[in-house]
N, C-alpha and C. Protein backbone atom coordinates (compact mmCIF):
# COMPACT_ATOMS: atom_id res chain seq x y z
N MET A 1 0.85 -1.19 0.00
CA MET A 1 0.00 0.00 0.00
C MET A 1 0.88 1.24 0.00
N SER A 2 0.59 2.19 -0.88
CA SER A 2 1.40 3.39 -0.91
C SER A 2 1.09 4.28 0.28
N ARG A 3 2.03 5.21 0.54
CA ARG A 3 1.83 6.14 1.65
C ARG A 3 0.58 6.97 1.43
N ASP A 4 0.38 7.50 0.19
CA ASP A 4 -0.77 8.35 -0.06
C ASP A 4 -2.07 7.58 0.11
N ARG A 5 -2.09 6.33 -0.38
CA ARG A 5 -3.29 5.53 -0.23
C ARG A 5 -3.56 5.21 1.23
N ALA A 6 -2.49 4.94 1.98
CA ALA A 6 -2.67 4.62 3.39
C ALA A 6 -3.26 5.80 4.14
N VAL A 7 -2.71 6.99 3.87
CA VAL A 7 -3.21 8.18 4.56
C VAL A 7 -4.64 8.47 4.14
N ALA A 8 -4.93 8.31 2.84
CA ALA A 8 -6.29 8.56 2.37
C ALA A 8 -7.27 7.60 3.01
N ARG A 9 -6.85 6.33 3.14
CA ARG A 9 -7.73 5.32 3.73
C ARG A 9 -8.00 5.65 5.20
N VAL A 10 -6.95 6.06 5.92
CA VAL A 10 -7.15 6.43 7.31
C VAL A 10 -8.06 7.64 7.40
N GLY A 11 -7.86 8.61 6.49
CA GLY A 11 -8.70 9.79 6.51
C GLY A 11 -10.16 9.45 6.30
N SER A 12 -10.42 8.52 5.35
CA SER A 12 -11.79 8.14 5.09
C SER A 12 -12.41 7.42 6.28
N MET A 13 -11.59 6.66 7.00
CA MET A 13 -12.10 5.92 8.15
C MET A 13 -12.42 6.84 9.31
N THR A 14 -11.73 7.96 9.39
CA THR A 14 -11.93 8.86 10.52
C THR A 14 -12.96 9.94 10.24
N SER A 15 -13.44 10.03 8.98
CA SER A 15 -14.26 11.18 8.63
C SER A 15 -15.72 10.85 8.39
N GLY A 16 -16.10 9.59 8.36
CA GLY A 16 -17.50 9.34 8.08
C GLY A 16 -17.96 8.00 8.58
N ALA A 17 -19.20 7.94 9.03
CA ALA A 17 -19.72 6.69 9.56
C ALA A 17 -19.97 5.68 8.47
N SER A 18 -20.01 6.12 7.18
CA SER A 18 -20.30 5.19 6.10
C SER A 18 -19.08 4.43 5.65
N ALA A 19 -17.89 4.77 6.15
CA ALA A 19 -16.68 4.06 5.74
C ALA A 19 -16.76 2.60 6.13
N GLU A 20 -16.27 1.75 5.27
CA GLU A 20 -16.31 0.31 5.53
C GLU A 20 -15.37 -0.05 6.67
N ILE A 21 -15.82 -0.89 7.58
CA ILE A 21 -15.01 -1.35 8.70
C ILE A 21 -14.48 -2.73 8.37
N PRO A 22 -13.15 -2.91 8.27
CA PRO A 22 -12.59 -4.21 7.92
C PRO A 22 -12.97 -5.29 8.93
N ASP A 23 -12.98 -6.53 8.46
CA ASP A 23 -13.27 -7.66 9.35
C ASP A 23 -12.30 -7.69 10.52
N GLY A 24 -12.83 -7.92 11.70
CA GLY A 24 -12.00 -8.02 12.89
C GLY A 24 -11.74 -6.72 13.60
N MET A 25 -12.12 -5.58 12.99
CA MET A 25 -11.87 -4.28 13.61
C MET A 25 -13.08 -3.90 14.47
N ARG A 26 -12.81 -3.35 15.65
CA ARG A 26 -13.87 -2.92 16.53
C ARG A 26 -14.70 -1.81 15.88
N PRO A 27 -16.02 -1.79 16.09
CA PRO A 27 -16.86 -0.76 15.49
C PRO A 27 -16.46 0.65 15.91
N ASP A 28 -15.90 0.82 17.12
CA ASP A 28 -15.52 2.14 17.59
C ASP A 28 -14.04 2.46 17.32
N ALA A 29 -13.40 1.65 16.48
CA ALA A 29 -11.97 1.85 16.23
C ALA A 29 -11.70 3.20 15.60
N ARG A 30 -12.67 3.70 14.81
CA ARG A 30 -12.49 4.98 14.13
C ARG A 30 -12.22 6.10 15.12
N GLU A 31 -12.84 6.02 16.29
CA GLU A 31 -12.70 7.08 17.28
C GLU A 31 -11.31 7.13 17.89
N THR A 32 -10.60 6.00 17.88
CA THR A 32 -9.27 5.95 18.49
C THR A 32 -8.16 5.89 17.47
N TRP A 33 -8.51 5.94 16.18
CA TRP A 33 -7.50 5.82 15.13
C TRP A 33 -6.60 7.06 15.11
N PRO A 34 -5.28 6.88 14.92
CA PRO A 34 -4.39 8.05 14.84
C PRO A 34 -4.75 8.95 13.67
N SER A 35 -4.36 10.21 13.78
CA SER A 35 -4.68 11.16 12.73
C SER A 35 -3.91 10.84 11.46
N PRO A 36 -4.42 11.26 10.28
CA PRO A 36 -3.67 11.07 9.04
C PRO A 36 -2.28 11.68 9.09
N GLU A 37 -2.15 12.82 9.79
CA GLU A 37 -0.84 13.47 9.88
C GLU A 37 0.16 12.59 10.63
N LEU A 38 -0.32 11.93 11.69
CA LEU A 38 0.56 11.05 12.45
C LEU A 38 0.97 9.84 11.61
N ILE A 39 0.00 9.25 10.89
CA ILE A 39 0.32 8.13 10.01
C ILE A 39 1.33 8.56 8.95
N GLU A 40 1.13 9.76 8.39
CA GLU A 40 2.04 10.29 7.37
C GLU A 40 3.46 10.38 7.91
N SER A 41 3.61 10.90 9.14
CA SER A 41 4.95 11.06 9.71
C SER A 41 5.60 9.73 10.00
N TRP A 42 4.80 8.73 10.32
CA TRP A 42 5.35 7.42 10.67
C TRP A 42 5.74 6.61 9.45
N LEU A 43 4.93 6.70 8.37
CA LEU A 43 5.19 5.85 7.21
C LEU A 43 6.47 6.19 6.49
N GLY A 44 6.89 7.44 6.53
CA GLY A 44 8.13 7.80 5.86
C GLY A 44 7.92 7.93 4.36
N ASP A 45 9.02 7.67 3.59
CA ASP A 45 9.01 7.97 2.17
C ASP A 45 8.88 6.75 1.27
N GLN A 46 8.75 5.57 1.83
CA GLN A 46 8.78 4.37 1.01
C GLN A 46 7.40 3.92 0.59
N ASP A 47 7.22 3.74 -0.73
CA ASP A 47 5.97 3.27 -1.27
C ASP A 47 6.01 1.75 -1.35
N VAL A 48 6.18 1.11 -0.21
CA VAL A 48 6.33 -0.35 -0.17
C VAL A 48 5.53 -0.91 0.98
N ASP A 49 5.35 -2.20 0.93
CA ASP A 49 4.60 -2.90 1.96
C ASP A 49 5.35 -2.87 3.28
N PHE A 50 4.62 -2.93 4.40
CA PHE A 50 5.24 -2.87 5.71
C PHE A 50 6.15 -4.07 5.98
N GLU A 51 5.94 -5.17 5.26
CA GLU A 51 6.79 -6.34 5.47
C GLU A 51 8.23 -6.07 5.08
N PHE A 52 8.44 -5.03 4.29
CA PHE A 52 9.70 -4.90 3.58
C PHE A 52 10.87 -4.51 4.47
N ARG A 53 10.67 -3.57 5.38
CA ARG A 53 11.79 -3.04 6.14
C ARG A 53 11.72 -3.45 7.60
N PRO A 54 12.76 -4.08 8.12
CA PRO A 54 12.75 -4.44 9.53
C PRO A 54 12.68 -3.19 10.39
N GLY A 55 11.86 -3.25 11.43
CA GLY A 55 11.74 -2.10 12.31
C GLY A 55 10.68 -1.11 11.89
N GLU A 56 10.12 -1.25 10.67
CA GLU A 56 9.15 -0.27 10.22
C GLU A 56 7.73 -0.65 10.62
N ASP A 57 7.46 -1.93 10.79
CA ASP A 57 6.12 -2.37 11.12
C ASP A 57 5.95 -2.36 12.64
N VAL A 58 5.90 -1.16 13.21
CA VAL A 58 5.73 -1.02 14.65
C VAL A 58 4.40 -0.36 14.92
N ALA A 59 3.90 -0.51 16.15
CA ALA A 59 2.61 0.07 16.50
C ALA A 59 2.67 1.58 16.45
N VAL A 60 1.60 2.20 15.96
CA VAL A 60 1.51 3.66 15.91
C VAL A 60 0.82 4.14 17.18
N HIS A 61 1.42 5.12 17.84
CA HIS A 61 0.89 5.63 19.09
C HIS A 61 0.60 7.13 18.94
N ASP A 62 -0.29 7.62 19.78
CA ASP A 62 -0.51 9.06 19.84
C ASP A 62 0.60 9.77 20.60
N ASP A 63 1.39 9.01 21.35
CA ASP A 63 2.48 9.57 22.14
C ASP A 63 3.63 9.98 21.22
N PRO A 64 3.95 11.27 21.11
CA PRO A 64 5.02 11.71 20.23
C PRO A 64 6.36 11.04 20.54
N GLU A 65 6.61 10.75 21.81
CA GLU A 65 7.87 10.10 22.16
C GLU A 65 7.94 8.69 21.59
N ALA A 66 6.82 7.99 21.61
CA ALA A 66 6.79 6.64 21.04
C ALA A 66 6.99 6.68 19.54
N VAL A 67 6.38 7.66 18.87
CA VAL A 67 6.54 7.80 17.43
C VAL A 67 8.00 8.11 17.10
N ALA A 68 8.60 9.01 17.88
CA ALA A 68 10.00 9.38 17.64
C ALA A 68 10.92 8.18 17.89
N ALA A 69 10.63 7.41 18.92
CA ALA A 69 11.45 6.23 19.20
C ALA A 69 11.35 5.20 18.08
N ALA A 70 10.14 5.02 17.54
CA ALA A 70 9.96 4.08 16.44
C ALA A 70 10.72 4.54 15.20
N ARG A 71 10.67 5.84 14.93
CA ARG A 71 11.39 6.35 13.76
C ARG A 71 12.90 6.21 13.96
N ARG A 72 13.38 6.50 15.16
CA ARG A 72 14.81 6.36 15.42
C ARG A 72 15.25 4.91 15.27
N PHE A 73 14.44 3.98 15.75
CA PHE A 73 14.73 2.56 15.60
C PHE A 73 14.86 2.20 14.13
N ARG A 74 13.91 2.66 13.34
CA ARG A 74 13.95 2.38 11.91
C ARG A 74 15.17 3.02 11.25
N ASP A 75 15.44 4.28 11.59
CA ASP A 75 16.54 4.98 10.94
C ASP A 75 17.90 4.38 11.28
N VAL A 76 18.07 3.99 12.55
CA VAL A 76 19.35 3.39 12.93
C VAL A 76 19.54 2.05 12.23
N LEU A 77 18.51 1.20 12.23
CA LEU A 77 18.64 -0.09 11.57
C LEU A 77 18.79 0.05 10.07
N GLY A 78 18.33 1.18 9.53
CA GLY A 78 18.50 1.44 8.11
C GLY A 78 19.95 1.62 7.70
N ARG A 79 20.83 1.86 8.68
CA ARG A 79 22.26 1.98 8.38
C ARG A 79 22.92 0.62 8.14
N PHE A 80 22.19 -0.46 8.40
CA PHE A 80 22.72 -1.79 8.14
C PHE A 80 22.32 -2.19 6.73
N ALA A 81 23.29 -2.15 5.82
CA ALA A 81 23.03 -2.52 4.43
C ALA A 81 22.82 -4.02 4.32
N SER A 82 21.88 -4.41 3.50
CA SER A 82 21.61 -5.84 3.35
C SER A 82 21.21 -6.15 1.92
N GLY A 83 21.23 -7.43 1.62
CA GLY A 83 20.65 -7.89 0.38
C GLY A 83 19.14 -7.89 0.50
N VAL A 84 18.48 -8.23 -0.60
CA VAL A 84 17.02 -8.26 -0.64
C VAL A 84 16.58 -9.64 -1.12
N THR A 85 15.62 -10.23 -0.44
CA THR A 85 15.11 -11.53 -0.84
C THR A 85 13.62 -11.46 -1.10
N VAL A 86 13.14 -12.44 -1.84
CA VAL A 86 11.71 -12.68 -1.96
C VAL A 86 11.46 -14.11 -1.51
N VAL A 87 10.63 -14.25 -0.49
CA VAL A 87 10.27 -15.56 0.04
C VAL A 87 8.99 -16.02 -0.64
N THR A 88 9.02 -17.21 -1.25
CA THR A 88 7.89 -17.68 -2.03
C THR A 88 7.42 -19.05 -1.54
N ALA A 89 6.20 -19.37 -1.91
CA ALA A 89 5.63 -20.69 -1.62
C ALA A 89 4.45 -20.89 -2.55
N VAL A 90 3.92 -22.10 -2.54
CA VAL A 90 2.66 -22.39 -3.23
C VAL A 90 1.67 -22.81 -2.16
N SER A 91 0.58 -22.07 -2.05
CA SER A 91 -0.42 -22.33 -1.02
C SER A 91 -1.80 -22.36 -1.67
N GLY A 92 -2.53 -23.42 -1.45
CA GLY A 92 -3.84 -23.53 -2.07
C GLY A 92 -3.76 -23.58 -3.57
N GLY A 93 -2.64 -24.07 -4.10
CA GLY A 93 -2.46 -24.16 -5.54
C GLY A 93 -2.04 -22.87 -6.21
N GLU A 94 -1.85 -21.80 -5.45
CA GLU A 94 -1.48 -20.50 -5.99
C GLU A 94 -0.13 -20.05 -5.45
N PRO A 95 0.69 -19.38 -6.28
CA PRO A 95 1.97 -18.87 -5.79
C PRO A 95 1.76 -17.67 -4.87
N VAL A 96 2.53 -17.62 -3.79
CA VAL A 96 2.51 -16.48 -2.88
C VAL A 96 3.95 -16.03 -2.66
N GLY A 97 4.11 -14.77 -2.31
CA GLY A 97 5.46 -14.27 -2.09
C GLY A 97 5.47 -12.99 -1.31
N MET A 98 6.61 -12.70 -0.70
CA MET A 98 6.78 -11.47 0.05
C MET A 98 8.24 -11.04 -0.01
N THR A 99 8.47 -9.76 -0.17
CA THR A 99 9.81 -9.21 -0.09
C THR A 99 10.25 -9.19 1.36
N CYS A 100 11.48 -9.60 1.61
CA CYS A 100 11.97 -9.68 2.99
C CYS A 100 13.44 -9.30 3.04
N GLN A 101 13.73 -8.23 3.78
CA GLN A 101 15.10 -7.81 3.98
C GLN A 101 15.73 -8.55 5.16
N SER A 102 14.89 -9.00 6.08
CA SER A 102 15.40 -9.66 7.29
C SER A 102 15.57 -11.15 7.04
N PHE A 103 16.73 -11.51 6.54
CA PHE A 103 17.06 -12.90 6.23
C PHE A 103 18.50 -13.16 6.64
N SER A 104 18.76 -14.38 7.13
CA SER A 104 20.11 -14.70 7.56
C SER A 104 20.30 -16.21 7.60
N SER A 105 21.55 -16.64 7.45
CA SER A 105 21.89 -18.03 7.76
C SER A 105 21.89 -18.20 9.27
N VAL A 106 21.67 -19.44 9.73
CA VAL A 106 21.59 -19.72 11.16
C VAL A 106 22.57 -20.81 11.56
N SER A 107 22.58 -21.92 10.83
CA SER A 107 23.36 -23.08 11.25
C SER A 107 23.84 -23.85 10.03
N LEU A 108 25.05 -24.44 10.16
CA LEU A 108 25.58 -25.30 9.11
C LEU A 108 25.17 -26.76 9.32
N ASP A 109 25.06 -27.18 10.58
CA ASP A 109 24.74 -28.57 10.88
C ASP A 109 23.74 -28.62 12.03
N PRO A 110 22.45 -28.76 11.73
CA PRO A 110 21.87 -28.92 10.39
C PRO A 110 21.82 -27.59 9.65
N PRO A 111 21.65 -27.61 8.33
CA PRO A 111 21.60 -26.36 7.57
C PRO A 111 20.29 -25.62 7.81
N LEU A 112 20.39 -24.48 8.48
CA LEU A 112 19.20 -23.69 8.83
C LEU A 112 19.38 -22.24 8.40
N VAL A 113 18.28 -21.63 8.01
CA VAL A 113 18.24 -20.20 7.71
C VAL A 113 17.04 -19.61 8.43
N MET A 114 16.94 -18.28 8.43
CA MET A 114 15.76 -17.67 9.03
C MET A 114 15.33 -16.44 8.24
N PHE A 115 14.04 -16.14 8.31
CA PHE A 115 13.53 -14.85 7.85
C PHE A 115 12.50 -14.38 8.86
N ILE A 116 12.19 -13.08 8.83
CA ILE A 116 11.40 -12.48 9.91
C ILE A 116 10.24 -11.69 9.32
N PRO A 117 9.08 -12.31 9.16
CA PRO A 117 7.91 -11.60 8.66
C PRO A 117 7.18 -10.85 9.78
N ALA A 118 6.54 -9.78 9.43
CA ALA A 118 5.70 -9.05 10.39
C ALA A 118 4.44 -9.85 10.69
N LYS A 119 3.91 -9.68 11.88
CA LYS A 119 2.66 -10.34 12.22
C LYS A 119 1.51 -9.84 11.35
N SER A 120 1.65 -8.65 10.78
CA SER A 120 0.62 -8.11 9.91
C SER A 120 0.73 -8.62 8.48
N SER A 121 1.75 -9.41 8.20
CA SER A 121 1.96 -9.91 6.84
C SER A 121 0.78 -10.75 6.37
N ARG A 122 0.35 -10.50 5.15
CA ARG A 122 -0.70 -11.31 4.55
C ARG A 122 -0.13 -12.58 3.92
N ALA A 123 1.12 -12.51 3.49
CA ALA A 123 1.72 -13.66 2.81
C ALA A 123 2.16 -14.74 3.79
N TRP A 124 2.65 -14.33 4.98
CA TRP A 124 3.21 -15.31 5.89
C TRP A 124 2.22 -16.41 6.29
N PRO A 125 0.97 -16.13 6.65
CA PRO A 125 0.07 -17.23 7.01
C PRO A 125 -0.08 -18.26 5.89
N LEU A 126 -0.04 -17.80 4.64
CA LEU A 126 -0.14 -18.72 3.52
C LEU A 126 1.13 -19.56 3.38
N ILE A 127 2.28 -18.93 3.60
CA ILE A 127 3.55 -19.66 3.56
C ILE A 127 3.60 -20.68 4.69
N GLN A 128 3.14 -20.27 5.87
CA GLN A 128 3.13 -21.18 7.01
C GLN A 128 2.23 -22.38 6.73
N ARG A 129 1.10 -22.14 6.11
CA ARG A 129 0.19 -23.23 5.79
C ARG A 129 0.83 -24.21 4.80
N ALA A 130 1.63 -23.66 3.87
CA ALA A 130 2.31 -24.53 2.91
C ALA A 130 3.35 -25.40 3.59
N GLY A 131 3.99 -24.86 4.66
CA GLY A 131 4.98 -25.63 5.39
C GLY A 131 6.34 -25.68 4.72
N ARG A 132 6.51 -24.95 3.65
CA ARG A 132 7.79 -24.94 2.91
C ARG A 132 7.89 -23.64 2.15
N PHE A 133 9.08 -23.25 1.81
CA PHE A 133 9.27 -21.97 1.14
C PHE A 133 10.62 -21.93 0.43
N CYS A 134 10.74 -20.98 -0.48
CA CYS A 134 12.00 -20.74 -1.19
C CYS A 134 12.40 -19.30 -0.97
N VAL A 135 13.65 -19.08 -0.60
CA VAL A 135 14.18 -17.72 -0.45
C VAL A 135 14.99 -17.40 -1.70
N ASN A 136 14.50 -16.43 -2.47
CA ASN A 136 15.15 -16.00 -3.71
C ASN A 136 16.01 -14.77 -3.44
N PHE A 137 17.30 -14.83 -3.80
CA PHE A 137 18.20 -13.70 -3.61
C PHE A 137 18.13 -12.80 -4.84
N LEU A 138 17.64 -11.58 -4.67
CA LEU A 138 17.43 -10.72 -5.81
C LEU A 138 18.73 -10.14 -6.35
N ALA A 139 18.76 -9.98 -7.66
CA ALA A 139 19.93 -9.45 -8.37
C ALA A 139 19.74 -7.97 -8.65
N ALA A 140 20.85 -7.30 -8.93
CA ALA A 140 20.78 -5.91 -9.36
C ALA A 140 19.85 -5.83 -10.58
N GLY A 141 19.04 -4.81 -10.61
CA GLY A 141 18.09 -4.69 -11.70
C GLY A 141 16.73 -5.29 -11.39
N GLN A 142 16.57 -5.87 -10.20
CA GLN A 142 15.29 -6.46 -9.83
C GLN A 142 14.55 -5.66 -8.76
N ALA A 143 14.83 -4.36 -8.71
CA ALA A 143 14.14 -3.50 -7.74
C ALA A 143 12.64 -3.47 -7.99
N ASP A 144 12.24 -3.45 -9.28
CA ASP A 144 10.81 -3.44 -9.58
C ASP A 144 10.14 -4.73 -9.09
N LEU A 145 10.84 -5.85 -9.25
CA LEU A 145 10.31 -7.11 -8.76
C LEU A 145 10.18 -7.08 -7.23
N SER A 146 11.18 -6.50 -6.57
CA SER A 146 11.12 -6.36 -5.12
C SER A 146 9.90 -5.56 -4.70
N ASN A 147 9.67 -4.43 -5.36
CA ASN A 147 8.53 -3.60 -5.02
C ASN A 147 7.20 -4.30 -5.30
N GLN A 148 7.15 -5.04 -6.40
CA GLN A 148 5.93 -5.76 -6.72
C GLN A 148 5.61 -6.80 -5.66
N MET A 149 6.63 -7.52 -5.21
CA MET A 149 6.40 -8.55 -4.20
C MET A 149 6.18 -7.94 -2.81
N ALA A 150 6.52 -6.68 -2.64
CA ALA A 150 6.28 -5.99 -1.37
C ALA A 150 4.94 -5.28 -1.34
N SER A 151 4.21 -5.34 -2.45
CA SER A 151 2.94 -4.62 -2.53
C SER A 151 1.84 -5.41 -1.84
N ARG A 152 0.72 -4.74 -1.64
CA ARG A 152 -0.46 -5.39 -1.08
C ARG A 152 -1.38 -5.90 -2.18
N GLY A 153 -0.90 -5.91 -3.41
CA GLY A 153 -1.73 -6.33 -4.53
C GLY A 153 -2.15 -7.79 -4.42
N SER A 154 -3.26 -8.11 -5.04
CA SER A 154 -3.79 -9.46 -4.97
C SER A 154 -3.05 -10.43 -5.89
N ASP A 155 -2.43 -9.92 -6.94
CA ASP A 155 -1.71 -10.79 -7.88
C ASP A 155 -0.28 -10.30 -8.02
N LYS A 156 0.55 -10.66 -7.05
CA LYS A 156 1.94 -10.22 -7.08
C LYS A 156 2.73 -10.87 -8.20
N PHE A 157 2.25 -11.98 -8.72
CA PHE A 157 3.00 -12.73 -9.72
C PHE A 157 2.61 -12.37 -11.16
N ALA A 158 1.80 -11.34 -11.34
CA ALA A 158 1.42 -10.93 -12.68
C ALA A 158 2.67 -10.51 -13.46
N GLY A 159 2.91 -11.19 -14.57
CA GLY A 159 4.06 -10.86 -15.42
C GLY A 159 5.39 -11.35 -14.90
N VAL A 160 5.40 -12.12 -13.81
CA VAL A 160 6.65 -12.60 -13.21
C VAL A 160 6.92 -14.03 -13.70
N SER A 161 8.12 -14.25 -14.22
CA SER A 161 8.51 -15.57 -14.71
C SER A 161 9.13 -16.38 -13.58
N TRP A 162 8.65 -17.61 -13.42
CA TRP A 162 9.20 -18.46 -12.37
C TRP A 162 8.98 -19.92 -12.74
N SER A 163 9.68 -20.78 -12.04
CA SER A 163 9.53 -22.22 -12.21
C SER A 163 9.54 -22.86 -10.84
N PRO A 164 8.90 -24.02 -10.67
CA PRO A 164 8.87 -24.67 -9.36
C PRO A 164 10.22 -25.29 -9.01
N THR A 165 10.62 -25.16 -7.77
CA THR A 165 11.85 -25.80 -7.32
C THR A 165 11.64 -27.31 -7.23
N GLU A 166 12.74 -28.05 -7.29
CA GLU A 166 12.63 -29.50 -7.27
C GLU A 166 12.26 -30.03 -5.89
N ALA A 167 12.78 -29.40 -4.84
CA ALA A 167 12.58 -29.93 -3.50
C ALA A 167 11.18 -29.66 -2.95
N THR A 168 10.68 -28.44 -3.12
CA THR A 168 9.41 -28.08 -2.50
C THR A 168 8.34 -27.63 -3.48
N GLY A 169 8.71 -27.36 -4.73
CA GLY A 169 7.75 -26.85 -5.69
C GLY A 169 7.45 -25.39 -5.53
N SER A 170 8.19 -24.70 -4.65
CA SER A 170 8.00 -23.26 -4.45
C SER A 170 8.51 -22.49 -5.65
N PRO A 171 8.00 -21.28 -5.88
CA PRO A 171 8.42 -20.51 -7.05
C PRO A 171 9.89 -20.07 -6.96
N LEU A 172 10.66 -20.44 -7.97
CA LEU A 172 12.01 -19.95 -8.17
C LEU A 172 11.94 -18.88 -9.24
N LEU A 173 12.22 -17.65 -8.87
CA LEU A 173 12.07 -16.51 -9.76
C LEU A 173 13.22 -16.45 -10.75
N ASP A 174 12.91 -16.11 -11.99
CA ASP A 174 13.93 -16.00 -13.02
C ASP A 174 14.87 -14.83 -12.72
N GLY A 175 16.14 -15.02 -13.01
CA GLY A 175 17.10 -13.93 -12.93
C GLY A 175 17.68 -13.65 -11.57
N VAL A 176 17.43 -14.51 -10.58
CA VAL A 176 17.94 -14.26 -9.23
C VAL A 176 19.39 -14.73 -9.12
N LEU A 177 20.05 -14.30 -8.04
CA LEU A 177 21.44 -14.69 -7.77
C LEU A 177 21.55 -16.14 -7.33
N GLY A 178 20.58 -16.58 -6.58
CA GLY A 178 20.59 -17.92 -6.02
C GLY A 178 19.35 -18.11 -5.16
N TYR A 179 19.26 -19.27 -4.54
CA TYR A 179 18.08 -19.54 -3.72
C TYR A 179 18.40 -20.62 -2.69
N VAL A 180 17.58 -20.66 -1.65
CA VAL A 180 17.57 -21.78 -0.70
C VAL A 180 16.14 -22.25 -0.59
N ASP A 181 15.95 -23.55 -0.72
CA ASP A 181 14.63 -24.16 -0.69
C ASP A 181 14.49 -24.86 0.65
N CYS A 182 13.42 -24.58 1.39
CA CYS A 182 13.37 -24.96 2.80
C CYS A 182 12.02 -25.54 3.21
N ALA A 183 12.06 -26.29 4.30
CA ALA A 183 10.86 -26.68 5.04
C ALA A 183 10.82 -25.85 6.32
N VAL A 184 9.61 -25.46 6.75
CA VAL A 184 9.48 -24.72 8.00
C VAL A 184 9.93 -25.62 9.14
N HIS A 185 10.91 -25.15 9.92
CA HIS A 185 11.51 -25.94 10.99
C HIS A 185 10.98 -25.53 12.36
N ASN A 186 10.98 -24.22 12.63
CA ASN A 186 10.45 -23.66 13.87
C ASN A 186 9.93 -22.27 13.59
N VAL A 187 8.99 -21.82 14.40
CA VAL A 187 8.48 -20.45 14.34
C VAL A 187 8.40 -19.91 15.76
N TYR A 188 8.94 -18.71 15.96
CA TYR A 188 8.95 -18.10 17.29
C TYR A 188 8.34 -16.71 17.21
N GLU A 189 7.58 -16.34 18.23
CA GLU A 189 7.09 -14.97 18.32
C GLU A 189 8.23 -14.07 18.78
N ALA A 190 8.30 -12.88 18.20
CA ALA A 190 9.31 -11.90 18.59
C ALA A 190 8.71 -10.50 18.45
N GLY A 191 8.03 -10.06 19.48
CA GLY A 191 7.41 -8.73 19.42
C GLY A 191 6.34 -8.69 18.36
N ASP A 192 6.46 -7.74 17.42
CA ASP A 192 5.47 -7.61 16.36
C ASP A 192 5.84 -8.40 15.11
N HIS A 193 6.80 -9.32 15.24
CA HIS A 193 7.23 -10.16 14.13
C HIS A 193 7.26 -11.63 14.56
N TYR A 194 7.46 -12.51 13.58
CA TYR A 194 7.78 -13.90 13.83
C TYR A 194 9.20 -14.17 13.33
N VAL A 195 9.92 -15.02 14.04
CA VAL A 195 11.20 -15.53 13.55
C VAL A 195 10.95 -16.93 13.01
N VAL A 196 11.14 -17.08 11.72
CA VAL A 196 10.86 -18.34 11.05
C VAL A 196 12.18 -19.03 10.72
N ILE A 197 12.36 -20.22 11.26
CA ILE A 197 13.56 -21.00 10.98
C ILE A 197 13.21 -22.04 9.92
N GLY A 198 14.01 -22.08 8.86
CA GLY A 198 13.79 -23.03 7.79
C GLY A 198 14.94 -24.01 7.68
N ARG A 199 14.62 -25.28 7.49
CA ARG A 199 15.65 -26.30 7.25
C ARG A 199 15.88 -26.38 5.75
N VAL A 200 17.11 -26.19 5.35
CA VAL A 200 17.44 -26.13 3.93
C VAL A 200 17.42 -27.53 3.34
N LEU A 201 16.61 -27.69 2.28
CA LEU A 201 16.51 -28.96 1.57
C LEU A 201 17.32 -28.96 0.28
N ASP A 202 17.49 -27.78 -0.29
CA ASP A 202 18.23 -27.64 -1.55
C ASP A 202 18.65 -26.19 -1.68
N LEU A 203 19.72 -25.96 -2.40
CA LEU A 203 20.18 -24.59 -2.63
C LEU A 203 21.10 -24.56 -3.84
N ALA A 204 21.19 -23.39 -4.48
CA ALA A 204 22.04 -23.26 -5.65
C ALA A 204 22.26 -21.79 -5.96
N THR A 205 23.29 -21.51 -6.73
CA THR A 205 23.54 -20.17 -7.25
C THR A 205 23.34 -20.19 -8.77
N THR A 206 23.34 -19.00 -9.36
CA THR A 206 23.22 -18.86 -10.81
C THR A 206 24.46 -18.16 -11.33
N ASP A 207 24.45 -17.83 -12.61
CA ASP A 207 25.58 -17.12 -13.22
C ASP A 207 25.50 -15.61 -13.01
N VAL A 208 24.41 -15.13 -12.41
CA VAL A 208 24.27 -13.70 -12.15
C VAL A 208 25.24 -13.30 -11.05
N GLU A 209 25.87 -12.13 -11.20
CA GLU A 209 26.93 -11.72 -10.27
C GLU A 209 26.51 -10.62 -9.31
N ASP A 210 25.86 -9.57 -9.80
CA ASP A 210 25.62 -8.38 -8.99
C ASP A 210 24.32 -8.48 -8.20
N ALA A 211 24.40 -8.10 -6.92
CA ALA A 211 23.26 -8.23 -6.01
C ALA A 211 22.52 -6.92 -5.84
N LEU A 212 21.23 -7.02 -5.58
CA LEU A 212 20.43 -5.87 -5.18
C LEU A 212 20.64 -5.62 -3.69
N LEU A 213 20.91 -4.37 -3.32
CA LEU A 213 21.14 -4.01 -1.93
C LEU A 213 20.08 -3.00 -1.48
N PHE A 214 19.90 -2.92 -0.17
CA PHE A 214 19.00 -1.93 0.41
C PHE A 214 19.73 -1.24 1.55
N TYR A 215 19.78 0.11 1.47
CA TYR A 215 20.54 0.88 2.46
C TYR A 215 19.87 2.23 2.66
N ARG A 216 19.53 2.54 3.91
CA ARG A 216 18.94 3.82 4.29
C ARG A 216 17.70 4.13 3.44
N GLY A 217 16.89 3.11 3.22
CA GLY A 217 15.63 3.31 2.54
C GLY A 217 15.71 3.37 1.03
N LYS A 218 16.89 3.05 0.46
CA LYS A 218 17.03 3.13 -0.99
C LYS A 218 17.74 1.88 -1.52
N TYR A 219 17.45 1.58 -2.78
CA TYR A 219 18.14 0.49 -3.44
C TYR A 219 19.49 0.92 -3.98
N SER A 220 20.42 -0.01 -3.99
CA SER A 220 21.67 0.16 -4.71
C SER A 220 22.08 -1.23 -5.16
N ALA A 221 23.29 -1.37 -5.67
CA ALA A 221 23.71 -2.67 -6.18
C ALA A 221 25.21 -2.82 -6.03
N THR A 222 25.65 -4.06 -5.97
CA THR A 222 27.09 -4.35 -6.01
C THR A 222 27.56 -4.24 -7.46
N GLY A 223 28.85 -4.05 -7.62
CA GLY A 223 29.40 -4.01 -8.97
C GLY A 223 29.15 -2.70 -9.68
């Protein structure tokens, strides 16, 4: 969801009784919803899904100190440059995916990796249901693919070329640097996120050399 759409949606929810109330939301939630200006200040400049940046999917408070602390947390962690991945699976016969910056190796014996989806993620429950996933390492030039997979759109795979992996059948995206194909090993709660540990079943690299990087809220690349 873009920043402008998010602010507009909040504005519509706070300005009229006819606004649609999403499933699971309290009928009086409109009265306690933060102002559009507060949402605007919190969302920052990125037109990407909240799953994308670690530290960005934090609770919004009316307390200015809490908002400032959340922004400082995000800004400091933004100084840690990282690669960009897309975590994919097939759930209910349909491909699902999410852009994830929070990915790391965990163990060599047994071979384990982890990624950290937000509790608000729409893709993670589907990946969890599948019980297996593929982590695709994005290459330089795949920023548009990253943004597409980070969107809240219903069809993230529109126009995306992929093939099923041998081990799990999860989507392997064309043009990536490499991938790890995994089974869900453990899941732990961690504040407003989950820590997902995957047991690696298969992995490989490609002939692509340059990686997509993310640093201080912007894309760059190696090479």
